[in-house]
N, C-alpha and C. Protein backbone atom coordinates (compact mmCIF):
# COMPACT_ATOMS: atom_id res chain seq x y z
N MET A 1 -54.84 -8.06 -26.37
CA MET A 1 -53.54 -7.74 -25.94
C MET A 1 -52.86 -8.90 -25.34
N SER A 2 -51.73 -9.14 -25.87
CA SER A 2 -50.97 -10.30 -25.46
C SER A 2 -50.16 -9.96 -24.28
N ARG A 3 -49.99 -10.86 -23.37
CA ARG A 3 -49.20 -10.69 -22.21
C ARG A 3 -48.20 -11.82 -22.11
N LYS A 4 -47.00 -11.41 -21.88
CA LYS A 4 -45.86 -12.47 -21.74
C LYS A 4 -45.62 -12.55 -20.29
N ASN A 5 -45.42 -13.72 -19.89
CA ASN A 5 -45.09 -13.99 -18.48
C ASN A 5 -43.55 -14.09 -18.40
N LEU A 6 -43.08 -13.02 -17.84
CA LEU A 6 -41.59 -12.81 -17.61
C LEU A 6 -41.13 -13.81 -16.40
N ARG A 7 -39.98 -14.34 -16.58
CA ARG A 7 -39.44 -15.10 -15.43
C ARG A 7 -39.03 -14.14 -14.42
N LYS A 8 -39.20 -14.57 -13.10
CA LYS A 8 -38.66 -13.88 -12.05
C LYS A 8 -37.10 -13.91 -12.00
N PRO A 9 -36.49 -12.80 -11.82
CA PRO A 9 -35.03 -12.85 -11.59
C PRO A 9 -34.56 -13.76 -10.45
N ASP A 10 -33.50 -14.47 -10.63
CA ASP A 10 -33.04 -15.29 -9.62
C ASP A 10 -32.45 -14.51 -8.51
N LYS A 11 -32.49 -15.06 -7.27
CA LYS A 11 -32.03 -14.34 -6.03
C LYS A 11 -30.47 -14.20 -6.18
N PHE A 12 -29.81 -15.02 -6.85
CA PHE A 12 -28.39 -14.90 -7.02
C PHE A 12 -27.96 -13.58 -7.69
N TYR A 13 -28.79 -13.11 -8.60
CA TYR A 13 -28.32 -11.84 -9.32
C TYR A 13 -28.45 -10.69 -8.35
N PHE A 14 -29.49 -10.65 -7.55
CA PHE A 14 -29.66 -9.55 -6.58
C PHE A 14 -28.49 -9.60 -5.55
N LEU A 15 -28.14 -10.80 -5.01
CA LEU A 15 -26.96 -10.96 -4.15
C LEU A 15 -25.64 -10.53 -4.89
N PHE A 16 -25.56 -10.98 -6.08
CA PHE A 16 -24.28 -10.62 -6.84
C PHE A 16 -24.21 -9.11 -7.03
N ILE A 17 -25.25 -8.37 -7.28
CA ILE A 17 -25.13 -6.88 -7.40
C ILE A 17 -24.74 -6.33 -6.19
N VAL A 18 -25.35 -6.72 -4.95
CA VAL A 18 -25.03 -6.20 -3.74
C VAL A 18 -23.60 -6.41 -3.36
N VAL A 19 -23.15 -7.62 -3.60
CA VAL A 19 -21.71 -7.99 -3.29
C VAL A 19 -20.81 -7.15 -4.16
N MET A 20 -21.09 -6.94 -5.45
CA MET A 20 -20.24 -6.20 -6.23
C MET A 20 -20.16 -4.64 -5.88
N ILE A 21 -21.31 -4.15 -5.55
CA ILE A 21 -21.39 -2.76 -5.06
C ILE A 21 -20.55 -2.61 -3.82
N ALA A 22 -20.70 -3.52 -2.90
CA ALA A 22 -19.91 -3.46 -1.58
C ALA A 22 -18.41 -3.65 -1.89
N ALA A 23 -18.05 -4.43 -2.92
CA ALA A 23 -16.65 -4.67 -3.30
C ALA A 23 -16.14 -3.32 -3.95
N ALA A 24 -16.95 -2.72 -4.62
CA ALA A 24 -16.50 -1.51 -5.35
C ALA A 24 -16.22 -0.41 -4.26
N PHE A 25 -17.13 -0.27 -3.31
CA PHE A 25 -16.99 0.72 -2.19
C PHE A 25 -15.68 0.31 -1.37
N PHE A 26 -15.44 -0.84 -1.18
CA PHE A 26 -14.34 -1.41 -0.43
C PHE A 26 -12.96 -0.97 -1.19
N VAL A 27 -13.01 -1.21 -2.52
CA VAL A 27 -11.72 -0.83 -3.34
C VAL A 27 -11.59 0.66 -3.38
N VAL A 28 -12.58 1.43 -3.47
CA VAL A 28 -12.44 2.82 -3.49
C VAL A 28 -11.93 3.29 -2.11
N TYR A 29 -12.44 2.72 -1.03
CA TYR A 29 -12.00 3.12 0.38
C TYR A 29 -10.42 2.71 0.59
N VAL A 30 -10.07 1.50 -0.01
CA VAL A 30 -8.58 1.21 0.16
C VAL A 30 -7.71 2.07 -0.59
N PHE A 31 -8.06 2.38 -1.80
CA PHE A 31 -7.24 3.30 -2.66
C PHE A 31 -7.19 4.73 -1.99
N LYS A 32 -8.25 5.09 -1.35
CA LYS A 32 -8.31 6.56 -0.76
C LYS A 32 -7.33 6.46 0.43
N VAL A 33 -7.43 5.45 1.24
CA VAL A 33 -6.46 5.30 2.42
C VAL A 33 -5.11 5.26 1.99
N ILE A 34 -4.72 4.40 0.94
CA ILE A 34 -3.45 4.26 0.46
C ILE A 34 -2.90 5.68 0.03
N PHE A 35 -3.69 6.37 -0.80
CA PHE A 35 -3.23 7.67 -1.30
C PHE A 35 -3.16 8.82 -0.22
N ASP A 36 -4.03 8.66 0.75
CA ASP A 36 -3.93 9.65 1.85
C ASP A 36 -2.59 9.34 2.59
N ALA A 37 -2.30 8.04 2.86
CA ALA A 37 -1.08 7.79 3.56
C ALA A 37 0.16 8.24 2.78
N VAL A 38 0.26 8.11 1.51
CA VAL A 38 1.29 8.61 0.67
C VAL A 38 1.38 10.13 0.80
N ARG A 39 0.30 10.74 0.79
CA ARG A 39 0.28 12.24 0.82
C ARG A 39 0.79 12.67 2.14
N VAL A 40 0.35 12.02 3.27
CA VAL A 40 0.77 12.47 4.57
C VAL A 40 2.25 12.08 4.79
N SER A 41 2.79 11.12 4.22
CA SER A 41 4.17 10.70 4.38
C SER A 41 5.04 11.77 3.66
N ALA A 42 4.47 12.16 2.54
CA ALA A 42 5.22 13.25 1.77
C ALA A 42 5.26 14.64 2.48
N ASP A 43 4.15 14.87 3.14
CA ASP A 43 4.10 16.15 3.95
C ASP A 43 4.96 16.04 5.19
N ILE A 44 5.08 14.93 5.74
CA ILE A 44 6.04 14.81 6.94
C ILE A 44 7.48 14.89 6.54
N GLY A 45 7.87 14.46 5.34
CA GLY A 45 9.14 14.54 4.90
C GLY A 45 9.65 16.03 4.57
N THR A 46 8.71 16.88 4.12
CA THR A 46 8.85 18.19 3.97
C THR A 46 8.94 19.13 5.19
N GLN A 47 8.41 18.60 6.24
CA GLN A 47 8.42 19.34 7.43
C GLN A 47 9.66 19.56 8.20
N PHE A 48 10.51 18.61 8.06
CA PHE A 48 11.82 18.62 8.84
C PHE A 48 12.92 19.18 7.81
N THR A 49 13.75 20.02 8.57
CA THR A 49 14.93 20.51 7.87
C THR A 49 16.12 19.68 8.34
N GLU A 50 17.23 20.03 7.68
CA GLU A 50 18.44 19.20 8.19
C GLU A 50 18.79 19.56 9.54
N VAL A 51 18.66 20.75 10.04
CA VAL A 51 18.98 21.16 11.27
C VAL A 51 18.13 20.39 12.36
N GLU A 52 16.85 20.21 12.17
CA GLU A 52 16.00 19.72 12.97
C GLU A 52 16.19 18.10 13.16
N LEU A 53 16.79 17.50 12.06
CA LEU A 53 16.91 16.07 12.23
C LEU A 53 18.13 15.63 13.12
N LYS A 54 19.05 16.51 13.25
CA LYS A 54 20.22 16.26 14.07
C LYS A 54 20.90 14.92 13.81
N ILE A 55 21.33 14.73 12.69
CA ILE A 55 21.95 13.41 12.30
C ILE A 55 23.43 13.66 12.49
N ASP A 56 23.99 12.62 13.27
CA ASP A 56 25.43 12.65 13.48
C ASP A 56 26.18 12.08 12.29
N THR A 57 26.70 12.82 11.47
CA THR A 57 27.33 12.34 10.25
C THR A 57 28.46 11.54 10.44
N ASP A 58 29.26 11.69 11.49
CA ASP A 58 30.43 10.83 11.78
C ASP A 58 29.96 9.43 12.05
N LYS A 59 28.91 9.22 12.90
CA LYS A 59 28.37 7.96 13.19
C LYS A 59 27.74 7.29 12.01
N LEU A 60 27.09 8.16 11.16
CA LEU A 60 26.45 7.59 9.95
C LEU A 60 27.53 7.16 9.00
N ASN A 61 28.65 7.92 8.82
CA ASN A 61 29.64 7.46 7.90
C ASN A 61 30.43 6.23 8.44
N ARG A 62 30.57 6.22 9.70
CA ARG A 62 31.25 4.94 10.29
C ARG A 62 30.27 3.79 9.98
N ALA A 63 29.00 3.80 10.22
CA ALA A 63 28.13 2.75 10.00
C ALA A 63 28.14 2.35 8.59
N VAL A 64 28.18 3.24 7.62
CA VAL A 64 28.23 2.87 6.18
C VAL A 64 29.52 2.22 5.83
N LYS A 65 30.61 2.66 6.50
CA LYS A 65 31.89 2.20 6.22
C LYS A 65 31.98 0.66 6.75
N VAL A 66 31.41 0.44 7.91
CA VAL A 66 31.42 -0.98 8.47
C VAL A 66 30.62 -1.98 7.52
N ALA A 67 29.47 -1.34 7.08
CA ALA A 67 28.56 -2.10 6.18
C ALA A 67 29.13 -2.41 4.83
N THR A 68 29.89 -1.59 4.30
CA THR A 68 30.50 -1.78 3.00
C THR A 68 31.76 -2.65 2.97
N GLU A 69 32.48 -2.48 4.14
CA GLU A 69 33.79 -3.29 4.23
C GLU A 69 33.58 -4.60 4.96
N LYS A 70 32.31 -4.98 5.33
CA LYS A 70 32.05 -6.26 5.86
C LYS A 70 32.35 -7.43 5.05
N LYS A 71 33.19 -8.38 5.53
CA LYS A 71 33.58 -9.46 4.66
C LYS A 71 32.40 -10.53 4.50
N VAL A 72 32.15 -10.90 3.26
CA VAL A 72 31.10 -11.76 3.07
C VAL A 72 31.63 -13.20 2.97
N LEU A 73 31.02 -14.13 3.75
CA LEU A 73 31.43 -15.56 3.75
C LEU A 73 30.98 -16.20 2.54
N GLN A 74 31.86 -16.90 1.87
CA GLN A 74 31.48 -17.66 0.61
C GLN A 74 31.10 -19.13 1.06
N LEU A 75 30.03 -19.60 0.56
CA LEU A 75 29.59 -20.95 0.87
C LEU A 75 30.12 -21.82 -0.21
N GLU A 76 30.67 -23.04 0.21
CA GLU A 76 31.25 -24.04 -0.69
C GLU A 76 30.21 -25.07 -0.77
N VAL A 77 29.71 -25.28 -2.06
CA VAL A 77 28.77 -26.35 -2.31
C VAL A 77 29.54 -27.53 -2.90
N ARG A 78 29.33 -28.62 -2.25
CA ARG A 78 30.17 -29.83 -2.74
C ARG A 78 29.11 -30.86 -3.30
């Protein structure tokens, strides 16, 4: 019976596998946190009605008017 002597795997490959598995778990965790934040923010938006927000439309319209009518300074390049 012939026996082949197989080379031992290098320690780099074991470390590489461990790092890749840790990175995969980190990526999954980050995406879970991001999608949970989006889901929660969508739920918060649907909780409030227009009456509960109590937005003063007159002040809002004045602020929009001031922002749109603001004069823009032109820069002269010489």
